[in-house]
Protein backbone atom coordinates (compact mmCIF):
# COMPACT_ATOMS: atom_id res chain seq x y z
CA MET A 1 55.68 96.68 32.65
CA LYS A 2 59.02 98.04 33.50
CA VAL A 3 62.47 97.04 32.51
CA ALA A 4 63.09 95.37 36.00
CA ASP A 5 59.86 93.71 36.16
CA LEU A 6 61.11 91.85 32.97
CA LEU A 7 64.26 91.19 34.58
CA GLU A 8 62.88 90.09 37.79
CA LEU A 9 60.41 87.68 35.53
CA ALA A 10 63.23 86.11 33.55
CA GLY A 11 65.25 85.36 36.85
CA PHE A 12 62.10 83.31 37.94
CA ALA A 13 61.82 81.50 34.90
CA GLY A 14 66.18 80.97 35.24
CA ALA A 15 67.26 83.49 32.61
CA SER A 16 69.99 85.85 32.81
CA ILE A 17 69.51 89.11 31.02
CA THR A 18 72.80 91.17 31.10
CA PHE A 19 72.95 94.76 29.67
CA LYS A 20 76.26 96.38 28.18
CA ILE A 21 76.23 100.04 28.70
CA ASP A 22 80.07 101.05 28.65
CA GLY A 23 79.71 104.45 28.13
CA GLU A 24 78.77 106.69 25.00
CA ARG A 25 79.05 105.07 21.44
CA ALA A 26 79.02 107.05 18.54
CA THR A 27 75.99 104.62 17.09
CA HIS A 28 73.76 105.13 20.57
CA ARG A 29 73.56 101.02 20.86
CA TRP A 30 73.39 99.22 23.92
CA THR A 31 74.29 94.91 24.15
CA VAL A 32 71.45 93.15 25.65
CA LEU A 33 72.93 89.48 26.47
CA ILE A 34 69.99 86.72 27.46
CA THR A 35 71.23 83.25 28.37
CA TYR A 36 69.01 80.40 29.72
CA GLU A 37 71.54 77.44 30.51
CA ASP A 38 68.71 74.59 31.18
CA LEU A 39 67.85 75.01 27.68
CA ASP A 40 71.44 75.96 26.47
CA PHE A 41 69.53 79.47 24.97
CA ARG A 42 71.79 82.13 24.27
CA TYR A 43 70.24 85.47 22.62
CA ARG A 44 72.61 88.17 21.95
CA ARG A 45 71.73 91.46 20.37
CA ASP A 46 73.01 95.23 19.72
CA VAL A 47 69.98 97.52 20.44
CA ASP A 48 69.54 101.60 19.40
CA ARG A 49 69.15 103.10 23.05
CA THR A 50 67.19 106.38 21.30
CA VAL A 51 64.02 103.73 21.36
CA PHE A 52 64.08 103.32 25.18
């Protein structure tokens, strides 16, 4: 499954996903934010982009 597929499924479920990729970082990290307003759910995580 591709990331685009996961984003589409999240949208169908009512969730929003934001990737913050703002240029080269010394730590090679991206920020991912997942929100689901109906359940007042928020999840934020910095992930290592070398894993992708």
